[in-house]
Amino acid sequence: MSDCKLSNIEAIALFVNLFCAKLFLITPKDFTDLLGAGAILFILVMYLITFLLYWFYTSKNISKAFSNKVFLTLLSFFLIIYGAIILSRFVYFTKTIWFLRSPLAFITLVFGACMVFASKNSLKTLGKINGFFVPILYLLVISLIATSIKTFDLTYLTPILGKGFSAMIKASIFLFSSMFEFILLLYLPEITDKFNKKTGFSVIGISLFLYLVVILAYLLVGANSKNLPLLYVIQSGLLSKSDSLFLILYAISGFLYLSSILRFSAMFFCSAYEIEDTKAVVYPISLIIISLSGITFFNPKGQLFLKGLSSFLWVIPFLLPIIFLRKDNNRKC
């Protein structure tokens, strides 16, 4: 790769936002609608599985898979699909909550332009931007959530298993897709200056903490938002008129997330086909992402297709590396 490598701090910041940017969207509501108070237990189990898989894959030197042309092509393709899904969600909520009169196409282009502007630079530059903004961003989020503590009601945490184990099993396929970015965490050895397993474990630990804080707060304030759960939590506190501040945090997190997804997709595609100029690939991939996100607004069938596909994206981070590990082991035999 031609990109300069990240420091451990930059890598942690970049990946924490990759894991947690969806907390600004409707993800907390997805968990609580399907599981109720059982969402807390489910998140703990989900992150335990993530922790164990990260330990297993890194001990097996999974980074070798990132030199496989088929693996890299598939990964680039699914990053494009997932990027389009997340872009469409950021655009949709931006319009419905803050900019009702603005055309969807205009908001999409603004997000797309910011995404391209940040990702056309090196991964090192993107890491530095994340290293500066991400700690401030999520510390502010926690501080804003803290203002709503007086409205918390512990009775909302019962029953502790929520809708039961059967509901957890049924919802697991859909909810595990929220960990799609885990596949990128396995790429840490290739993009960090001095790789240490603790970097990945730090990302998992910080992300788990943020997931628990946001979803627990959402449950404790009643969990009945029709829009963005995190905004609902913040508005239930002392800062009831905090829409503008939340919009800034929401936009920064979204821009950084989409820029990272675009950059990784371009990097993997370039690695697969030995293309030296990553910038040349960023532009066409960004157009594909923007075009696919537009499908979700103007084509109901396309929207259903992308939504259905997103429910099964958990296969990519959790199972695809196993396939390539076995394939590599068979070659050695």
C-alpha atoms as a PDB file:
ATOM      1  CA  MET A   1       0.000   0.000   0.000  1.00  0.00           C
ATOM      2  CA  SER A   2       1.205   3.492  -0.785  1.00  0.00           C
ATOM      3  CA  ASP A   3      -0.593   5.018   2.200  1.00  0.00           C
ATOM      4  CA  CYS A   4       1.473   5.851   5.280  1.00  0.00           C
ATOM      5  CA  LYS A   5       0.623   3.709   8.284  1.00  0.00           C
ATOM      6  CA  LEU A   6      -1.416   4.846  11.260  1.00  0.00           C
ATOM      7  CA  SER A   7      -0.238   5.260  14.816  1.00  0.00           C
ATOM      8  CA  ASN A   8      -2.093   3.160  17.377  1.00  0.00           C
ATOM      9  CA  ILE A   9      -4.012   6.204  18.665  1.00  0.00           C
ATOM     10  CA  GLU A  10      -5.092   7.186  15.136  1.00  0.00           C
ATOM     11  CA  ALA A  11      -6.153   3.601  14.420  1.00  0.00           C
ATOM     12  CA  ILE A  12      -8.198   3.407  17.622  1.00  0.00           C
ATOM     13  CA  ALA A  13      -9.975   6.692  16.857  1.00  0.00           C
ATOM     14  CA  LEU A  14     -10.725   5.732  13.256  1.00  0.00           C
ATOM     15  CA  PHE A  15     -12.084   2.294  14.152  1.00  0.00           C
ATOM     16  CA  VAL A  16     -14.087   3.456  17.163  1.00  0.00           C
ATOM     17  CA  ASN A  17     -15.985   5.794  14.863  1.00  0.00           C
ATOM     18  CA  LEU A  18     -16.405   3.014  12.294  1.00  0.00           C
ATOM     19  CA  PHE A  19     -17.984   0.857  14.992  1.00  0.00           C
ATOM     20  CA  CYS A  20     -20.045   3.563  16.703  1.00  0.00           C
ATOM     21  CA  ALA A  21     -21.150   6.099  14.068  1.00  0.00           C
ATOM     22  CA  LYS A  22     -24.371   4.097  13.602  1.00  0.00           C
ATOM     23  CA  LEU A  23     -25.336   4.975  17.181  1.00  0.00           C
ATOM     24  CA  PHE A  24     -26.222   8.415  15.789  1.00  0.00           C
ATOM     25  CA  LEU A  25     -28.721   6.714  13.486  1.00  0.00           C
ATOM     26  CA  ILE A  26     -31.540   4.303  14.281  1.00  0.00           C
ATOM     27  CA  THR A  27     -29.373   1.375  15.452  1.00  0.00           C
ATOM     28  CA  PRO A  28     -30.249   1.760  19.178  1.00  0.00           C
ATOM     29  CA  LYS A  29     -33.933   1.653  18.254  1.00  0.00           C
ATOM     30  CA  ASP A  30     -33.359  -1.512  16.193  1.00  0.00           C
ATOM     31  CA  PHE A  31     -31.919  -3.233  19.266  1.00  0.00           C
ATOM     32  CA  THR A  32     -34.596  -2.090  21.716  1.00  0.00           C
ATOM     33  CA  ASP A  33     -37.550  -2.665  19.370  1.00  0.00           C
ATOM     34  CA  LEU A  34     -36.504  -6.264  18.764  1.00  0.00           C
ATOM     35  CA  LEU A  35     -35.187  -7.147  22.219  1.00  0.00           C
ATOM     36  CA  GLY A  36     -36.425  -4.627  24.760  1.00  0.00           C
ATOM     37  CA  ALA A  37     -34.221  -4.556  27.877  1.00  0.00           C
ATOM     38  CA  GLY A  38     -32.625  -7.782  26.577  1.00  0.00           C
ATOM     39  CA  ALA A  39     -30.645  -5.566  24.182  1.00  0.00           C
ATOM     40  CA  ILE A  40     -28.052  -5.009  26.928  1.00  0.00           C
ATOM     41  CA  LEU A  41     -27.393  -8.734  27.356  1.00  0.00           C
ATOM     42  CA  PHE A  42     -27.360  -9.242  23.592  1.00  0.00           C
ATOM     43  CA  ILE A  43     -24.757  -6.486  23.104  1.00  0.00           C
ATOM     44  CA  LEU A  44     -22.525  -8.055  25.755  1.00  0.00           C
ATOM     45  CA  VAL A  45     -22.766 -11.443  24.015  1.00  0.00           C
ATOM     46  CA  MET A  46     -22.219  -9.886  20.578  1.00  0.00           C
ATOM     47  CA  TYR A  47     -19.068  -8.107  21.714  1.00  0.00           C
ATOM     48  CA  LEU A  48     -17.801 -11.199  23.527  1.00  0.00           C
ATOM     49  CA  ILE A  49     -18.059 -13.098  20.228  1.00  0.00           C
ATOM     50  CA  THR A  50     -16.313 -10.217  18.461  1.00  0.00           C
ATOM     51  CA  PHE A  51     -13.532 -10.235  21.077  1.00  0.00           C
ATOM     52  CA  LEU A  52     -12.987 -13.996  20.727  1.00  0.00           C
ATOM     53  CA  LEU A  53     -13.038 -13.874  16.921  1.00  0.00           C
ATOM     54  CA  TYR A  54     -10.548 -11.007  16.862  1.00  0.00           C
ATOM     55  CA  TRP A  55      -8.230 -12.956  19.175  1.00  0.00           C
ATOM     56  CA  PHE A  56      -8.622 -16.096  17.037  1.00  0.00           C
ATOM     57  CA  TYR A  57      -8.099 -14.419  13.660  1.00  0.00           C
ATOM     58  CA  THR A  58      -5.100 -12.350  14.724  1.00  0.00           C
ATOM     59  CA  SER A  59      -3.458 -15.423  16.228  1.00  0.00           C
ATOM     60  CA  LYS A  60      -3.941 -17.188  12.866  1.00  0.00           C
ATOM     61  CA  ASN A  61      -2.329 -14.341  10.901  1.00  0.00           C
ATOM     62  CA  ILE A  62      -5.543 -13.515   9.049  1.00  0.00           C
ATOM     63  CA  SER A  63      -3.825 -10.557   7.363  1.00  0.00           C
ATOM     64  CA  LYS A  64      -2.679 -13.046   4.694  1.00  0.00           C
ATOM     65  CA  ALA A  65      -6.257 -13.098   3.388  1.00  0.00           C
ATOM     66  CA  PHE A  66      -5.852  -9.434   2.462  1.00  0.00           C
ATOM     67  CA  SER A  67      -3.446 -10.444  -0.285  1.00  0.00           C
ATOM     68  CA  ASN A  68      -6.070 -12.664  -1.926  1.00  0.00           C
ATOM     69  CA  LYS A  69      -7.582 -11.086  -5.042  1.00  0.00           C
ATOM     70  CA  VAL A  70     -11.025 -12.665  -4.626  1.00  0.00           C
ATOM     71  CA  PHE A  71     -11.193 -11.763  -0.926  1.00  0.00           C
ATOM     72  CA  LEU A  72     -10.230  -8.138  -1.599  1.00  0.00           C
ATOM     73  CA  THR A  73     -12.691  -7.803  -4.491  1.00  0.00           C
ATOM     74  CA  LEU A  74     -15.574  -9.178  -2.408  1.00  0.00           C
ATOM     75  CA  LEU A  75     -14.648  -6.931   0.485  1.00  0.00           C
ATOM     76  CA  SER A  76     -14.498  -3.834  -1.717  1.00  0.00           C
ATOM     77  CA  PHE A  77     -17.874  -4.728  -3.239  1.00  0.00           C
ATOM     78  CA  PHE A  78     -19.619  -5.187   0.104  1.00  0.00           C
ATOM     79  CA  LEU A  79     -18.080  -2.005   1.494  1.00  0.00           C
ATOM     80  CA  ILE A  80     -19.630  -0.148  -1.437  1.00  0.00           C
ATOM     81  CA  ILE A  81     -23.035  -1.719  -0.715  1.00  0.00           C
ATOM     82  CA  TYR A  82     -22.813  -1.012   3.010  1.00  0.00           C
ATOM     83  CA  GLY A  83     -21.549   2.514   2.419  1.00  0.00           C
ATOM     84  CA  ALA A  84     -24.568   3.207   0.202  1.00  0.00           C
ATOM     85  CA  ILE A  85     -26.946   1.898   2.885  1.00  0.00           C
ATOM     86  CA  ILE A  86     -25.406   4.037   5.640  1.00  0.00           C
ATOM     87  CA  LEU A  87     -25.205   7.116   3.383  1.00  0.00           C
ATOM     88  CA  SER A  88     -28.914   6.792   2.571  1.00  0.00           C
ATOM     89  CA  ARG A  89     -29.743   6.649   6.285  1.00  0.00           C
ATOM     90  CA  PHE A  90     -27.666   9.705   7.153  1.00  0.00           C
ATOM     91  CA  VAL A  91     -29.251  11.637   4.280  1.00  0.00           C
ATOM     92  CA  TYR A  92     -32.794  10.524   5.149  1.00  0.00           C
ATOM     93  CA  PHE A  93     -32.615  11.618   8.790  1.00  0.00           C
ATOM     94  CA  THR A  94     -30.821  14.848   7.919  1.00  0.00           C
ATOM     95  CA  LYS A  95     -33.732  15.759   5.681  1.00  0.00           C
ATOM     96  CA  THR A  96     -36.625  14.574   7.850  1.00  0.00           C
ATOM     97  CA  ILE A  97     -35.369  16.214  11.059  1.00  0.00           C
ATOM     98  CA  TRP A  98     -33.421  19.336  10.067  1.00  0.00           C
ATOM     99  CA  PHE A  99     -33.799  20.195   6.362  1.00  0.00           C
ATOM    100  CA  LEU A 100     -37.368  19.355   5.380  1.00  0.00           C
ATOM    101  CA  ARG A 101     -37.378  21.685   2.383  1.00  0.00           C
ATOM    102  CA  SER A 102     -33.997  20.666   0.979  1.00  0.00           C
ATOM    103  CA  PRO A 103     -33.987  18.171  -1.920  1.00  0.00           C
ATOM    104  CA  LEU A 104     -32.652  14.710  -1.147  1.00  0.00           C
ATOM    105  CA  ALA A 105     -30.269  14.983  -4.091  1.00  0.00           C
ATOM    106  CA  PHE A 106     -28.694  18.139  -2.644  1.00  0.00           C
ATOM    107  CA  ILE A 107     -28.158  16.614   0.825  1.00  0.00           C
ATOM    108  CA  THR A 108     -26.757  13.440  -0.762  1.00  0.00           C
ATOM    109  CA  LEU A 109     -24.285  15.469  -2.816  1.00  0.00           C
ATOM    110  CA  VAL A 110     -23.155  17.419   0.262  1.00  0.00           C
ATOM    111  CA  PHE A 111     -22.469  14.192   2.159  1.00  0.00           C
ATOM    112  CA  GLY A 112     -20.849  12.707  -0.951  1.00  0.00           C
ATOM    113  CA  ALA A 113     -18.597  15.720  -1.514  1.00  0.00           C
ATOM    114  CA  CYS A 114     -17.392  15.697   2.112  1.00  0.00           C
ATOM    115  CA  MET A 115     -16.839  11.948   1.882  1.00  0.00           C
ATOM    116  CA  VAL A 116     -14.683  12.309  -1.233  1.00  0.00           C
ATOM    117  CA  PHE A 117     -12.791  15.347   0.105  1.00  0.00           C
ATOM    118  CA  ALA A 118     -11.630  13.491   3.220  1.00  0.00           C
ATOM    119  CA  SER A 119     -10.965  10.100   1.626  1.00  0.00           C
ATOM    120  CA  LYS A 120      -8.987  11.333  -1.404  1.00  0.00           C
ATOM    121  CA  ASN A 121      -6.108  12.088   0.962  1.00  0.00           C
ATOM    122  CA  SER A 122      -3.928   9.369   2.437  1.00  0.00           C
ATOM    123  CA  LEU A 123      -5.167   6.983   5.114  1.00  0.00           C
ATOM    124  CA  LYS A 124      -2.653   8.671   7.434  1.00  0.00           C
ATOM    125  CA  THR A 125      -4.377  12.021   6.927  1.00  0.00           C
ATOM    126  CA  LEU A 126      -7.762  10.442   7.535  1.00  0.00           C
ATOM    127  CA  GLY A 127      -6.353   8.864  10.693  1.00  0.00           C
ATOM    128  CA  LYS A 128      -5.114  12.233  11.955  1.00  0.00           C
ATOM    129  CA  ILE A 129      -8.537  13.810  11.321  1.00  0.00           C
ATOM    130  CA  ASN A 130     -10.217  10.997  13.248  1.00  0.00           C
ATOM    131  CA  GLY A 131      -7.585  11.238  15.985  1.00  0.00           C
ATOM    132  CA  PHE A 132      -8.512  14.886  16.518  1.00  0.00           C
ATOM    133  CA  PHE A 133     -12.310  14.802  16.188  1.00  0.00           C
ATOM    134  CA  VAL A 134     -13.378  11.383  17.500  1.00  0.00           C
ATOM    135  CA  PRO A 135     -12.296  11.756  21.166  1.00  0.00           C
ATOM    136  CA  ILE A 136     -13.954  15.197  21.371  1.00  0.00           C
ATOM    137  CA  LEU A 137     -17.052  13.960  19.582  1.00  0.00           C
ATOM    138  CA  TYR A 138     -17.780  10.984  21.818  1.00  0.00           C
ATOM    139  CA  LEU A 139     -16.804  12.764  25.046  1.00  0.00           C
ATOM    140  CA  LEU A 140     -19.390  15.406  24.137  1.00  0.00           C
ATOM    141  CA  VAL A 141     -21.948  12.680  23.441  1.00  0.00           C
ATOM    142  CA  ILE A 142     -21.370  11.134  26.884  1.00  0.00           C
ATOM    143  CA  SER A 143     -21.561  14.583  28.513  1.00  0.00           C
ATOM    144  CA  LEU A 144     -24.855  15.336  26.773  1.00  0.00           C
ATOM    145  CA  ILE A 145     -26.279  11.966  27.796  1.00  0.00           C
ATOM    146  CA  ALA A 146     -25.260  12.706  31.392  1.00  0.00           C
ATOM    147  CA  THR A 147     -27.601  15.715  31.414  1.00  0.00           C
ATOM    148  CA  SER A 148     -30.565  13.351  31.054  1.00  0.00           C
ATOM    149  CA  ILE A 149     -29.746  11.196  34.108  1.00  0.00           C
ATOM    150  CA  LYS A 150     -32.565  12.779  36.153  1.00  0.00           C
ATOM    151  CA  THR A 151     -35.102  11.392  33.679  1.00  0.00           C
ATOM    152  CA  PHE A 152     -33.856   7.786  33.938  1.00  0.00           C
ATOM    153  CA  ASP A 153     -36.335   5.203  35.202  1.00  0.00           C
ATOM    154  CA  LEU A 154     -34.877   1.830  36.245  1.00  0.00           C
ATOM    155  CA  THR A 155     -38.229   0.075  35.793  1.00  0.00           C
ATOM    156  CA  TYR A 156     -37.608   0.177  32.048  1.00  0.00           C
ATOM    157  CA  LEU A 157     -34.827  -2.390  32.539  1.00  0.00           C
ATOM    158  CA  THR A 158     -37.290  -5.116  33.492  1.00  0.00           C
ATOM    159  CA  PRO A 159     -37.678  -7.848  32.508  1.00  0.00           C
ATOM    160  CA  ILE A 160     -33.907  -8.124  32.201  1.00  0.00           C
ATOM    161  CA  LEU A 161     -34.155 -10.661  29.360  1.00  0.00           C
ATOM    162  CA  GLY A 162     -36.470  -8.358  27.460  1.00  0.00           C
ATOM    163  CA  LYS A 163     -38.496 -10.366  24.965  1.00  0.00           C
ATOM    164  CA  GLY A 164     -36.702 -13.621  25.773  1.00  0.00           C
ATOM    165  CA  PHE A 165     -34.040 -15.868  24.264  1.00  0.00           C
ATOM    166  CA  SER A 166     -36.207 -16.786  21.283  1.00  0.00           C
ATOM    167  CA  ALA A 167     -36.407 -13.112  20.302  1.00  0.00           C
ATOM    168  CA  MET A 168     -32.613 -12.838  20.620  1.00  0.00           C
ATOM    169  CA  ILE A 169     -32.058 -15.799  18.337  1.00  0.00           C
ATOM    170  CA  LYS A 170     -34.503 -14.466  15.735  1.00  0.00           C
ATOM    171  CA  ALA A 171     -32.993 -10.959  15.867  1.00  0.00           C
ATOM    172  CA  SER A 172     -29.367 -12.096  15.890  1.00  0.00           C
ATOM    173  CA  ILE A 173     -29.078 -12.393  12.087  1.00  0.00           C
ATOM    174  CA  PHE A 174     -30.241  -8.830  11.588  1.00  0.00           C
ATOM    175  CA  LEU A 175     -28.471  -7.243  14.570  1.00  0.00           C
ATOM    176  CA  PHE A 176     -25.112  -8.940  14.034  1.00  0.00           C
ATOM    177  CA  SER A 177     -24.890  -7.032  10.755  1.00  0.00           C
ATOM    178  CA  SER A 178     -24.281  -3.918  12.849  1.00  0.00           C
ATOM    179  CA  MET A 179     -20.789  -5.371  13.429  1.00  0.00           C
ATOM    180  CA  PHE A 180     -19.952  -5.446   9.714  1.00  0.00           C
ATOM    181  CA  GLU A 181     -16.966  -3.145  10.287  1.00  0.00           C
ATOM    182  CA  PHE A 182     -15.288  -5.880  12.327  1.00  0.00           C
ATOM    183  CA  ILE A 183     -13.802  -7.231   9.081  1.00  0.00           C
ATOM    184  CA  LEU A 184     -11.766  -4.022   8.754  1.00  0.00           C
ATOM    185  CA  LEU A 185     -10.372  -4.468  12.256  1.00  0.00           C
ATOM    186  CA  LEU A 186      -8.591  -7.587  11.005  1.00  0.00           C
ATOM    187  CA  TYR A 187      -6.660  -5.332   8.613  1.00  0.00           C
ATOM    188  CA  LEU A 188      -4.976  -3.492  11.494  1.00  0.00           C
ATOM    189  CA  PRO A 189      -1.605  -5.300  11.147  1.00  0.00           C
ATOM    190  CA  GLU A 190      -1.296  -3.957   7.602  1.00  0.00           C
ATOM    191  CA  ILE A 191      -2.100  -0.315   8.348  1.00  0.00           C
ATOM    192  CA  THR A 192      -0.626   0.367  11.797  1.00  0.00           C
ATOM    193  CA  ASP A 193       2.963   1.483  12.266  1.00  0.00           C
ATOM    194  CA  LYS A 194       3.655  -0.790  15.235  1.00  0.00           C
ATOM    195  CA  PHE A 195       0.842  -3.320  15.370  1.00  0.00           C
ATOM    196  CA  ASN A 196      -0.231  -4.509  18.785  1.00  0.00           C
ATOM    197  CA  LYS A 197      -3.230  -6.740  19.493  1.00  0.00           C
ATOM    198  CA  LYS A 198      -4.104  -4.357  22.308  1.00  0.00           C
ATOM    199  CA  THR A 199      -5.057  -1.773  19.686  1.00  0.00           C
ATOM    200  CA  GLY A 200      -7.869  -3.970  18.405  1.00  0.00           C
ATOM    201  CA  PHE A 201      -8.935  -4.928  21.921  1.00  0.00           C
ATOM    202  CA  SER A 202      -9.036  -1.221  22.814  1.00  0.00           C
ATOM    203  CA  VAL A 203     -11.339  -0.533  19.856  1.00  0.00           C
ATOM    204  CA  ILE A 204     -13.642  -3.367  20.918  1.00  0.00           C
ATOM    205  CA  GLY A 205     -13.657  -2.248  24.569  1.00  0.00           C
ATOM    206  CA  ILE A 206     -14.330   1.445  23.847  1.00  0.00           C
ATOM    207  CA  SER A 207     -17.013   0.587  21.288  1.00  0.00           C
ATOM    208  CA  LEU A 208     -18.722  -1.773  23.748  1.00  0.00           C
ATOM    209  CA  PHE A 209     -18.730   0.973  26.381  1.00  0.00           C
ATOM    210  CA  LEU A 210     -20.281   3.495  23.967  1.00  0.00           C
ATOM    211  CA  TYR A 211     -22.917   0.999  22.765  1.00  0.00           C
ATOM    212  CA  LEU A 212     -23.888   0.210  26.356  1.00  0.00           C
ATOM    213  CA  VAL A 213     -24.034   3.883  27.377  1.00  0.00           C
ATOM    214  CA  VAL A 214     -26.223   4.948  24.445  1.00  0.00           C
ATOM    215  CA  ILE A 215     -28.607   1.983  24.422  1.00  0.00           C
ATOM    216  CA  LEU A 216     -28.873   1.855  28.215  1.00  0.00           C
ATOM    217  CA  ALA A 217     -29.670   5.589  28.294  1.00  0.00           C
ATOM    218  CA  TYR A 218     -32.244   5.124  25.530  1.00  0.00           C
ATOM    219  CA  LEU A 219     -33.935   2.342  27.504  1.00  0.00           C
ATOM    220  CA  LEU A 220     -33.907   4.338  30.740  1.00  0.00           C
ATOM    221  CA  VAL A 221     -35.640   7.386  29.226  1.00  0.00           C
ATOM    222  CA  GLY A 222     -38.483   5.318  27.811  1.00  0.00           C
ATOM    223  CA  ALA A 223     -37.228   4.112  24.425  1.00  0.00           C
ATOM    224  CA  ASN A 224     -40.108   5.457  22.340  1.00  0.00           C
ATOM    225  CA  SER A 225     -38.441   7.794  19.873  1.00  0.00           C
ATOM    226  CA  LYS A 226     -39.881   8.012  16.376  1.00  0.00           C
ATOM    227  CA  ASN A 227     -36.706   9.502  14.990  1.00  0.00           C
ATOM    228  CA  LEU A 228     -33.078   9.338  16.162  1.00  0.00           C
ATOM    229  CA  PRO A 229     -32.750   7.592  19.557  1.00  0.00           C
ATOM    230  CA  LEU A 230     -29.594   9.442  20.626  1.00  0.00           C
ATOM    231  CA  LEU A 231     -31.185  12.825  19.854  1.00  0.00           C
ATOM    232  CA  TYR A 232     -34.243  11.749  21.851  1.00  0.00           C
ATOM    233  CA  VAL A 233     -32.039  10.884  24.867  1.00  0.00           C
ATOM    234  CA  ILE A 234     -30.217  14.220  24.745  1.00  0.00           C
ATOM    235  CA  GLN A 235     -33.451  16.197  24.365  1.00  0.00           C
ATOM    236  CA  SER A 236     -34.915  14.485  27.420  1.00  0.00           C
ATOM    237  CA  GLY A 237     -32.193  16.060  29.570  1.00  0.00           C
ATOM    238  CA  LEU A 238     -31.285  19.614  30.523  1.00  0.00           C
ATOM    239  CA  LEU A 239     -30.398  20.560  26.955  1.00  0.00           C
ATOM    240  CA  SER A 240     -33.828  20.120  25.371  1.00  0.00           C
ATOM    241  CA  LYS A 241     -32.902  22.612  22.610  1.00  0.00           C
ATOM    242  CA  SER A 242     -29.744  20.855  21.514  1.00  0.00           C
ATOM    243  CA  ASP A 243     -30.702  20.025  17.915  1.00  0.00           C
ATOM    244  CA  SER A 244     -28.011  22.221  16.360  1.00  0.00           C
ATOM    245  CA  LEU A 245     -25.203  20.816  18.520  1.00  0.00           C
ATOM    246  CA  PHE A 246     -26.363  17.280  17.846  1.00  0.00           C
ATOM    247  CA  LEU A 247     -26.487  17.982  14.100  1.00  0.00           C
ATOM    248  CA  ILE A 248     -22.822  19.036  14.168  1.00  0.00           C
ATOM    249  CA  LEU A 249     -21.777  15.854  16.019  1.00  0.00           C
ATOM    250  CA  TYR A 250     -24.022  13.742  13.790  1.00  0.00           C
ATOM    251  CA  ALA A 251     -22.586  15.241  10.603  1.00  0.00           C
ATOM    252  CA  ILE A 252     -18.928  14.953  11.687  1.00  0.00           C
ATOM    253  CA  SER A 253     -19.390  11.310  12.686  1.00  0.00           C
ATOM    254  CA  GLY A 254     -21.181  10.563   9.407  1.00  0.00           C
ATOM    255  CA  PHE A 255     -18.572  12.286   7.240  1.00  0.00           C
ATOM    256  CA  LEU A 256     -15.694  10.483   8.982  1.00  0.00           C
ATOM    257  CA  TYR A 257     -17.461   7.119   8.782  1.00  0.00           C
ATOM    258  CA  LEU A 258     -18.330   7.388   5.088  1.00  0.00           C
ATOM    259  CA  SER A 259     -14.853   8.705   4.231  1.00  0.00           C
ATOM    260  CA  SER A 260     -13.259   5.709   5.955  1.00  0.00           C
ATOM    261  CA  ILE A 261     -15.554   3.230   4.200  1.00  0.00           C
ATOM    262  CA  LEU A 262     -14.804   4.827   0.831  1.00  0.00           C
ATOM    263  CA  ARG A 263     -11.063   4.869   1.495  1.00  0.00           C
ATOM    264  CA  PHE A 264     -10.922   1.217   2.546  1.00  0.00           C
ATOM    265  CA  SER A 265     -13.023   0.141  -0.426  1.00  0.00           C
ATOM    266  CA  ALA A 266     -10.678   1.964  -2.818  1.00  0.00           C
ATOM    267  CA  MET A 267      -7.582   0.564  -1.079  1.00  0.00           C
ATOM    268  CA  PHE A 268      -8.827  -3.020  -1.291  1.00  0.00           C
ATOM    269  CA  PHE A 269      -9.784  -2.648  -4.946  1.00  0.00           C
ATOM    270  CA  CYS A 270      -6.371  -1.176  -5.776  1.00  0.00           C
ATOM    271  CA  SER A 271      -4.596  -3.966  -3.893  1.00  0.00           C
ATOM    272  CA  ALA A 272      -6.628  -6.628  -5.701  1.00  0.00           C
ATOM    273  CA  TYR A 273      -5.801  -5.300  -9.175  1.00  0.00           C
ATOM    274  CA  GLU A 274      -2.386  -3.736  -8.442  1.00  0.00           C
ATOM    275  CA  ILE A 275      -3.482  -0.168  -9.120  1.00  0.00           C
ATOM    276  CA  GLU A 276      -0.979   2.320  -7.731  1.00  0.00           C
ATOM    277  CA  ASP A 277      -3.098   5.491  -7.739  1.00  0.00           C
ATOM    278  CA  THR A 278      -5.773   5.061  -5.049  1.00  0.00           C
ATOM    279  CA  LYS A 279      -7.124   8.570  -5.686  1.00  0.00           C
ATOM    280  CA  ALA A 280      -8.120   7.575  -9.219  1.00  0.00           C
ATOM    281  CA  VAL A 281     -10.347   4.838  -7.797  1.00  0.00           C
ATOM    282  CA  VAL A 282     -11.919   6.982  -5.044  1.00  0.00           C
ATOM    283  CA  TYR A 283     -13.982   9.046  -7.485  1.00  0.00           C
ATOM    284  CA  PRO A 284     -15.717   6.227  -9.422  1.00  0.00           C
ATOM    285  CA  ILE A 285     -16.399   4.263  -6.216  1.00  0.00           C
ATOM    286  CA  SER A 286     -17.894   7.366  -4.592  1.00  0.00           C
ATOM    287  CA  LEU A 287     -20.199   7.806  -7.602  1.00  0.00           C
ATOM    288  CA  ILE A 288     -21.344   4.195  -7.256  1.00  0.00           C
ATOM    289  CA  ILE A 289     -22.036   4.661  -3.533  1.00  0.00           C
ATOM    290  CA  ILE A 290     -23.976   7.877  -4.133  1.00  0.00           C
ATOM    291  CA  SER A 291     -25.948   6.309  -7.002  1.00  0.00           C
ATOM    292  CA  LEU A 292     -26.848   3.224  -4.968  1.00  0.00           C
ATOM    293  CA  SER A 293     -27.950   5.361  -2.030  1.00  0.00           C
ATOM    294  CA  GLY A 294     -30.245   7.230  -4.430  1.00  0.00           C
ATOM    295  CA  ILE A 295     -31.915   3.939  -5.344  1.00  0.00           C
ATOM    296  CA  THR A 296     -33.204   3.611  -1.780  1.00  0.00           C
ATOM    297  CA  PHE A 297     -35.057   6.919  -2.157  1.00  0.00           C
ATOM    298  CA  PHE A 298     -36.544   6.615  -5.628  1.00  0.00           C
ATOM    299  CA  ASN A 299     -36.925   2.859  -6.197  1.00  0.00           C
ATOM    300  CA  PRO A 300     -38.917   0.842  -3.606  1.00  0.00           C
ATOM    301  CA  LYS A 301     -37.648  -2.477  -4.989  1.00  0.00           C
ATOM    302  CA  GLY A 302     -34.058  -1.291  -4.763  1.00  0.00           C
ATOM    303  CA  GLN A 303     -34.691  -0.176  -1.196  1.00  0.00           C
ATOM    304  CA  LEU A 304     -36.052  -3.609  -0.241  1.00  0.00           C
ATOM    305  CA  PHE A 305     -33.116  -5.319  -1.951  1.00  0.00           C
ATOM    306  CA  LEU A 306     -30.476  -3.275  -0.106  1.00  0.00           C
ATOM    307  CA  LYS A 307     -32.345  -3.639   3.191  1.00  0.00           C
ATOM    308  CA  GLY A 308     -32.568  -7.406   2.753  1.00  0.00           C
ATOM    309  CA  LEU A 309     -28.913  -7.626   1.786  1.00  0.00           C
ATOM    310  CA  SER A 310     -27.865  -5.602   4.827  1.00  0.00           C
ATOM    311  CA  SER A 311     -29.543  -8.160   7.098  1.00  0.00           C
ATOM    312  CA  PHE A 312     -27.061 -10.811   6.002  1.00  0.00           C
ATOM    313  CA  LEU A 313     -23.877  -8.749   5.863  1.00  0.00           C
ATOM    314  CA  TRP A 314     -22.745 -10.299   9.161  1.00  0.00           C
ATOM    315  CA  VAL A 315     -21.589 -13.274   7.068  1.00  0.00           C
ATOM    316  CA  ILE A 316     -18.759 -11.172   5.617  1.00  0.00           C
ATOM    317  CA  PRO A 317     -16.858 -10.276   8.804  1.00  0.00           C
ATOM    318  CA  PHE A 318     -17.605 -13.419  10.788  1.00  0.00           C
ATOM    319  CA  LEU A 319     -17.467 -16.249   8.221  1.00  0.00           C
ATOM    320  CA  LEU A 320     -15.585 -15.056   5.113  1.00  0.00           C
ATOM    321  CA  PRO A 321     -12.162 -14.992   6.846  1.00  0.00           C
ATOM    322  CA  ILE A 322     -12.696 -18.586   8.038  1.00  0.00           C
ATOM    323  CA  ILE A 323     -13.245 -19.715   4.446  1.00  0.00           C
ATOM    324  CA  PHE A 324      -9.987 -18.126   3.295  1.00  0.00           C
ATOM    325  CA  LEU A 325      -8.111 -19.449   6.321  1.00  0.00           C
ATOM    326  CA  ARG A 326      -9.190 -22.986   5.496  1.00  0.00           C
ATOM    327  CA  LYS A 327      -8.367 -22.472   1.846  1.00  0.00           C
ATOM    328  CA  ASP A 328      -4.862 -21.289   2.764  1.00  0.00           C
ATOM    329  CA  ASN A 329      -4.353 -24.252   5.112  1.00  0.00           C
ATOM    330  CA  ASN A 330      -5.438 -26.704   2.387  1.00  0.00           C
ATOM    331  CA  ARG A 331      -2.826 -25.235   0.040  1.00  0.00           C
ATOM    332  CA  LYS A 332      -0.104 -25.797   2.635  1.00  0.00           C
ATOM    333  CA  CYS A 333      -1.154 -29.428   2.966  1.00  0.00           C
END
